[in-house]
Amino acid sequence: MATQAQIAKSKKEPKFSSRKINRCFKCGRHRGYMRDFGVCRICFREMVPEGIIPGVKKSSW
């Protein structure tokens, strides 16, 4: 989990666009970030079965 300082730092506009850090809005994690949904892979897995993310269904075969 990211610290409050890291989350605040990533919200500021960087000097160069390549320095932008995408973070999960729920937990602040920067690794495993999914751009389409704005969350990390861990939060994504928690939110899909609950139906919070529309249009996504857990696959089973």
PDB file of N, CA and C in Angstrom:
ATOM      1  N   MET A   1       0.839  -1.177   0.000  1.00  0.00           N
ATOM      2  CA  MET A   1       0.000   0.000   0.000  1.00  0.00           C
ATOM      3  C   MET A   1       0.885   1.243   0.000  1.00  0.00           C
ATOM      4  N   ALA A   2       0.518   2.200  -0.792  1.00  0.00           N
ATOM      5  CA  ALA A   2       1.295   3.427  -0.924  1.00  0.00           C
ATOM      6  C   ALA A   2       1.057   4.341   0.272  1.00  0.00           C
ATOM      7  N   THR A   3       2.096   5.090   0.628  1.00  0.00           N
ATOM      8  CA  THR A   3       1.960   6.051   1.711  1.00  0.00           C
ATOM      9  C   THR A   3       1.207   7.273   1.208  1.00  0.00           C
ATOM     10  N   GLN A   4       0.734   8.088   2.129  1.00  0.00           N
ATOM     11  CA  GLN A   4      -0.013   9.291   1.768  1.00  0.00           C
ATOM     12  C   GLN A   4       0.876  10.262   0.996  1.00  0.00           C
ATOM     13  N   ALA A   5       2.176  10.301   1.332  1.00  0.00           N
ATOM     14  CA  ALA A   5       3.106  11.195   0.639  1.00  0.00           C
ATOM     15  C   ALA A   5       3.294  10.765  -0.814  1.00  0.00           C
ATOM     16  N   GLN A   6       3.385   9.465  -1.058  1.00  0.00           N
ATOM     17  CA  GLN A   6       3.548   8.964  -2.424  1.00  0.00           C
ATOM     18  C   GLN A   6       2.314   9.251  -3.266  1.00  0.00           C
ATOM     19  N   ILE A   7       1.141   9.084  -2.683  1.00  0.00           N
ATOM     20  CA  ILE A   7      -0.106   9.352  -3.395  1.00  0.00           C
ATOM     21  C   ILE A   7      -0.219  10.836  -3.721  1.00  0.00           C
ATOM     22  N   ALA A   8       0.125  11.703  -2.761  1.00  0.00           N
ATOM     23  CA  ALA A   8       0.069  13.145  -2.986  1.00  0.00           C
ATOM     24  C   ALA A   8       1.065  13.572  -4.059  1.00  0.00           C
ATOM     25  N   LYS A   9       2.256  12.963  -4.042  1.00  0.00           N
ATOM     26  CA  LYS A   9       3.282  13.299  -5.028  1.00  0.00           C
ATOM     27  C   LYS A   9       2.845  12.908  -6.441  1.00  0.00           C
ATOM     28  N   SER A  10       2.167  11.771  -6.578  1.00  0.00           N
ATOM     29  CA  SER A  10       1.750  11.320  -7.904  1.00  0.00           C
ATOM     30  C   SER A  10       0.579  12.139  -8.456  1.00  0.00           C
ATOM     31  N   LYS A  11      -0.164  12.814  -7.590  1.00  0.00           N
ATOM     32  CA  LYS A  11      -1.282  13.642  -8.045  1.00  0.00           C
ATOM     33  C   LYS A  11      -0.829  14.982  -8.583  1.00  0.00           C
ATOM     34  N   LYS A  12       0.386  15.428  -8.196  1.00  0.00           N
ATOM     35  CA  LYS A  12       0.907  16.691  -8.700  1.00  0.00           C
ATOM     36  C   LYS A  12       1.287  16.566 -10.171  1.00  0.00           C
ATOM     37  N   GLU A  13       1.190  17.666 -10.896  1.00  0.00           N
ATOM     38  CA  GLU A  13       1.561  17.684 -12.315  1.00  0.00           C
ATOM     39  C   GLU A  13       3.094  17.607 -12.415  1.00  0.00           C
ATOM     40  N   PRO A  14       3.624  16.593 -13.118  1.00  0.00           N
ATOM     41  CA  PRO A  14       5.083  16.464 -13.222  1.00  0.00           C
ATOM     42  C   PRO A  14       5.683  17.484 -14.194  1.00  0.00           C
ATOM     43  N   LYS A  15       6.984  17.703 -14.046  1.00  0.00           N
ATOM     44  CA  LYS A  15       7.693  18.624 -14.921  1.00  0.00           C
ATOM     45  C   LYS A  15       7.703  18.100 -16.359  1.00  0.00           C
ATOM     46  N   PHE A  16       7.868  16.796 -16.510  1.00  0.00           N
ATOM     47  CA  PHE A  16       7.859  16.152 -17.816  1.00  0.00           C
ATOM     48  C   PHE A  16       6.762  15.095 -17.826  1.00  0.00           C
ATOM     49  N   SER A  17       6.090  14.943 -18.976  1.00  0.00           N
ATOM     50  CA  SER A  17       4.949  14.033 -19.048  1.00  0.00           C
ATOM     51  C   SER A  17       5.349  12.568 -18.845  1.00  0.00           C
ATOM     52  N   SER A  18       6.596  12.214 -19.129  1.00  0.00           N
ATOM     53  CA  SER A  18       7.032  10.825 -18.962  1.00  0.00           C
ATOM     54  C   SER A  18       7.201  10.432 -17.498  1.00  0.00           C
ATOM     55  N   ARG A  19       7.178  11.403 -16.611  1.00  0.00           N
ATOM     56  CA  ARG A  19       7.310  11.118 -15.176  1.00  0.00           C
ATOM     57  C   ARG A  19       5.983  10.831 -14.487  1.00  0.00           C
ATOM     58  N   LYS A  20       4.892  10.900 -15.223  1.00  0.00           N
ATOM     59  CA  LYS A  20       3.575  10.667 -14.630  1.00  0.00           C
ATOM     60  C   LYS A  20       3.459   9.242 -14.114  1.00  0.00           C
ATOM     61  N   ILE A  21       2.943   9.090 -12.913  1.00  0.00           N
ATOM     62  CA  ILE A  21       2.768   7.773 -12.299  1.00  0.00           C
ATOM     63  C   ILE A  21       1.280   7.502 -12.164  1.00  0.00           C
ATOM     64  N   ASN A  22       0.809   6.424 -12.779  1.00  0.00           N
ATOM     65  CA  ASN A  22      -0.585   6.021 -12.646  1.00  0.00           C
ATOM     66  C   ASN A  22      -0.726   5.191 -11.379  1.00  0.00           C
ATOM     67  N   ARG A  23      -1.702   5.535 -10.565  1.00  0.00           N
ATOM     68  CA  ARG A  23      -1.935   4.804  -9.325  1.00  0.00           C
ATOM     69  C   ARG A  23      -3.394   4.392  -9.221  1.00  0.00           C
ATOM     70  N   CYS A  24      -3.610   3.281  -8.558  1.00  0.00           N
ATOM     71  CA  CYS A  24      -4.954   2.786  -8.296  1.00  0.00           C
ATOM     72  C   CYS A  24      -5.669   3.792  -7.390  1.00  0.00           C
ATOM     73  N   PHE A  25      -6.907   4.126  -7.751  1.00  0.00           N
ATOM     74  CA  PHE A  25      -7.627   5.106  -6.933  1.00  0.00           C
ATOM     75  C   PHE A  25      -8.058   4.520  -5.600  1.00  0.00           C
ATOM     76  N   LYS A  26      -8.127   3.206  -5.503  1.00  0.00           N
ATOM     77  CA  LYS A  26      -8.606   2.557  -4.295  1.00  0.00           C
ATOM     78  C   LYS A  26      -7.503   2.361  -3.256  1.00  0.00           C
ATOM     79  N   CYS A  27      -6.353   1.817  -3.691  1.00  0.00           N
ATOM     80  CA  CYS A  27      -5.294   1.503  -2.730  1.00  0.00           C
ATOM     81  C   CYS A  27      -3.999   2.283  -2.955  1.00  0.00           C
ATOM     82  N   GLY A  28      -3.829   2.894  -4.135  1.00  0.00           N
ATOM     83  CA  GLY A  28      -2.634   3.686  -4.399  1.00  0.00           C
ATOM     84  C   GLY A  28      -1.488   2.907  -5.013  1.00  0.00           C
ATOM     85  N   ARG A  29      -1.688   1.653  -5.325  1.00  0.00           N
ATOM     86  CA  ARG A  29      -0.635   0.812  -5.899  1.00  0.00           C
ATOM     87  C   ARG A  29      -0.305   1.290  -7.311  1.00  0.00           C
ATOM     88  N   HIS A  30       0.996   1.279  -7.670  1.00  0.00           N
ATOM     89  CA  HIS A  30       1.393   1.721  -9.001  1.00  0.00           C
ATOM     90  C   HIS A  30       1.775   0.565  -9.917  1.00  0.00           C
ATOM     91  N   ARG A  31       2.055  -0.582  -9.373  1.00  0.00           N
ATOM     92  CA  ARG A  31       2.393  -1.739 -10.196  1.00  0.00           C
ATOM     93  C   ARG A  31       1.127  -2.538 -10.489  1.00  0.00           C
ATOM     94  N   GLY A  32       1.034  -3.072 -11.680  1.00  0.00           N
ATOM     95  CA  GLY A  32      -0.140  -3.839 -12.063  1.00  0.00           C
ATOM     96  C   GLY A  32      -1.358  -2.970 -12.302  1.00  0.00           C
ATOM     97  N   TYR A  33      -1.126  -1.728 -12.709  1.00  0.00           N
ATOM     98  CA  TYR A  33      -2.205  -0.766 -12.948  1.00  0.00           C
ATOM     99  C   TYR A  33      -2.887  -1.061 -14.280  1.00  0.00           C
ATOM    100  N   MET A  34      -4.205  -1.065 -14.296  1.00  0.00           N
ATOM    101  CA  MET A  34      -4.978  -1.299 -15.513  1.00  0.00           C
ATOM    102  C   MET A  34      -5.597   0.026 -15.947  1.00  0.00           C
ATOM    103  N   ARG A  35      -5.106   0.548 -17.059  1.00  0.00           N
ATOM    104  CA  ARG A  35      -5.515   1.858 -17.538  1.00  0.00           C
ATOM    105  C   ARG A  35      -7.001   1.958 -17.842  1.00  0.00           C
ATOM    106  N   ASP A  36      -7.566   0.913 -18.411  1.00  0.00           N
ATOM    107  CA  ASP A  36      -8.974   0.938 -18.809  1.00  0.00           C
ATOM    108  C   ASP A  36      -9.913   1.124 -17.624  1.00  0.00           C
ATOM    109  N   PHE A  37      -9.528   0.628 -16.464  1.00  0.00           N
ATOM    110  CA  PHE A  37     -10.403   0.663 -15.299  1.00  0.00           C
ATOM    111  C   PHE A  37      -9.912   1.603 -14.195  1.00  0.00           C
ATOM    112  N   GLY A  38      -8.644   1.993 -14.226  1.00  0.00           N
ATOM    113  CA  GLY A  38      -8.104   2.916 -13.228  1.00  0.00           C
ATOM    114  C   GLY A  38      -7.807   2.276 -11.894  1.00  0.00           C
ATOM    115  N   VAL A  39      -7.687   0.937 -11.875  1.00  0.00           N
ATOM    116  CA  VAL A  39      -7.386   0.222 -10.636  1.00  0.00           C
ATOM    117  C   VAL A  39      -6.242  -0.760 -10.868  1.00  0.00           C
ATOM    118  N   CYS A  40      -5.665  -1.249  -9.788  1.00  0.00           N
ATOM    119  CA  CYS A  40      -4.614  -2.257  -9.896  1.00  0.00           C
ATOM    120  C   CYS A  40      -5.259  -3.635 -10.049  1.00  0.00           C
ATOM    121  N   ARG A  41      -4.448  -4.619 -10.372  1.00  0.00           N
ATOM    122  CA  ARG A  41      -4.955  -5.967 -10.633  1.00  0.00           C
ATOM    123  C   ARG A  41      -5.602  -6.590  -9.397  1.00  0.00           C
ATOM    124  N   ILE A  42      -5.112  -6.262  -8.222  1.00  0.00           N
ATOM    125  CA  ILE A  42      -5.647  -6.841  -6.987  1.00  0.00           C
ATOM    126  C   ILE A  42      -7.043  -6.295  -6.701  1.00  0.00           C
ATOM    127  N   CYS A  43      -7.189  -4.978  -6.807  1.00  0.00           N
ATOM    128  CA  CYS A  43      -8.504  -4.359  -6.595  1.00  0.00           C
ATOM    129  C   CYS A  43      -9.476  -4.781  -7.687  1.00  0.00           C
ATOM    130  N   PHE A  44      -8.958  -4.954  -8.908  1.00  0.00           N
ATOM    131  CA  PHE A  44      -9.790  -5.402 -10.022  1.00  0.00           C
ATOM    132  C   PHE A  44     -10.398  -6.764  -9.711  1.00  0.00           C
ATOM    133  N   ARG A  45      -9.592  -7.679  -9.205  1.00  0.00           N
ATOM    134  CA  ARG A  45     -10.074  -9.020  -8.879  1.00  0.00           C
ATOM    135  C   ARG A  45     -11.095  -9.005  -7.756  1.00  0.00           C
ATOM    136  N   GLU A  46     -10.969  -8.057  -6.838  1.00  0.00           N
ATOM    137  CA  GLU A  46     -11.934  -7.943  -5.745  1.00  0.00           C
ATOM    138  C   GLU A  46     -13.254  -7.337  -6.215  1.00  0.00           C
ATOM    139  N   MET A  47     -13.170  -6.394  -7.154  1.00  0.00           N
ATOM    140  CA  MET A  47     -14.346  -5.638  -7.570  1.00  0.00           C
ATOM    141  C   MET A  47     -15.202  -6.358  -8.611  1.00  0.00           C
ATOM    142  N   VAL A  48     -14.599  -7.222  -9.446  1.00  0.00           N
ATOM    143  CA  VAL A  48     -15.350  -7.878 -10.515  1.00  0.00           C
ATOM    144  C   VAL A  48     -16.442  -8.806  -9.991  1.00  0.00           C
ATOM    145  N   PRO A  49     -16.168  -9.723  -9.062  1.00  0.00           N
ATOM    146  CA  PRO A  49     -17.249 -10.601  -8.595  1.00  0.00           C
ATOM    147  C   PRO A  49     -18.387  -9.865  -7.884  1.00  0.00           C
ATOM    148  N   GLU A  50     -18.074  -8.710  -7.296  1.00  0.00           N
ATOM    149  CA  GLU A  50     -19.093  -7.929  -6.607  1.00  0.00           C
ATOM    150  C   GLU A  50     -19.976  -7.146  -7.583  1.00  0.00           C
ATOM    151  N   GLY A  51     -19.548  -7.053  -8.842  1.00  0.00           N
ATOM    152  CA  GLY A  51     -20.324  -6.347  -9.847  1.00  0.00           C
ATOM    153  C   GLY A  51     -20.124  -4.849  -9.841  1.00  0.00           C
ATOM    154  N   ILE A  52     -19.058  -4.373  -9.225  1.00  0.00           N
ATOM    155  CA  ILE A  52     -18.793  -2.940  -9.162  1.00  0.00           C
ATOM    156  C   ILE A  52     -18.340  -2.410 -10.521  1.00  0.00           C
ATOM    157  N   ILE A  53     -17.595  -3.223 -11.269  1.00  0.00           N
ATOM    158  CA  ILE A  53     -17.134  -2.828 -12.593  1.00  0.00           C
ATOM    159  C   ILE A  53     -18.137  -3.358 -13.625  1.00  0.00           C
ATOM    160  N   PRO A  54     -18.852  -2.473 -14.318  1.00  0.00           N
ATOM    161  CA  PRO A  54     -19.865  -2.936 -15.265  1.00  0.00           C
ATOM    162  C   PRO A  54     -19.252  -3.526 -16.540  1.00  0.00           C
ATOM    163  N   GLY A  55     -19.891  -4.539 -17.079  1.00  0.00           N
ATOM    164  CA  GLY A  55     -19.467  -5.128 -18.334  1.00  0.00           C
ATOM    165  C   GLY A  55     -18.363  -6.158 -18.232  1.00  0.00           C
ATOM    166  N   VAL A  56     -17.941  -6.479 -17.027  1.00  0.00           N
ATOM    167  CA  VAL A  56     -16.878  -7.469 -16.833  1.00  0.00           C
ATOM    168  C   VAL A  56     -17.431  -8.614 -16.014  1.00  0.00           C
ATOM    169  N   LYS A  57     -17.144  -9.838 -16.455  1.00  0.00           N
ATOM    170  CA  LYS A  57     -17.644 -11.005 -15.766  1.00  0.00           C
ATOM    171  C   LYS A  57     -16.496 -11.982 -15.521  1.00  0.00           C
ATOM    172  N   LYS A  58     -16.474 -12.624 -14.382  1.00  0.00           N
ATOM    173  CA  LYS A  58     -15.442 -13.605 -14.083  1.00  0.00           C
ATOM    174  C   LYS A  58     -15.649 -14.820 -14.997  1.00  0.00           C
ATOM    175  N   SER A  59     -14.579 -15.228 -15.651  1.00  0.00           N
ATOM    176  CA  SER A  59     -14.690 -16.340 -16.584  1.00  0.00           C
ATOM    177  C   SER A  59     -14.556 -17.667 -15.850  1.00  0.00           C
ATOM    178  N   SER A  60     -15.253 -18.665 -16.351  1.00  0.00           N
ATOM    179  CA  SER A  60     -15.122 -20.027 -15.835  1.00  0.00           C
ATOM    180  C   SER A  60     -15.435 -20.974 -16.967  1.00  0.00           C
ATOM    181  N   TRP A  61     -14.677 -22.056 -17.063  1.00  0.00           N
ATOM    182  CA  TRP A  61     -14.905 -23.048 -18.115  1.00  0.00           C
ATOM    183  C   TRP A  61     -14.563 -24.421 -17.639  1.00  0.00           C
TER     184      TRP A  61
END
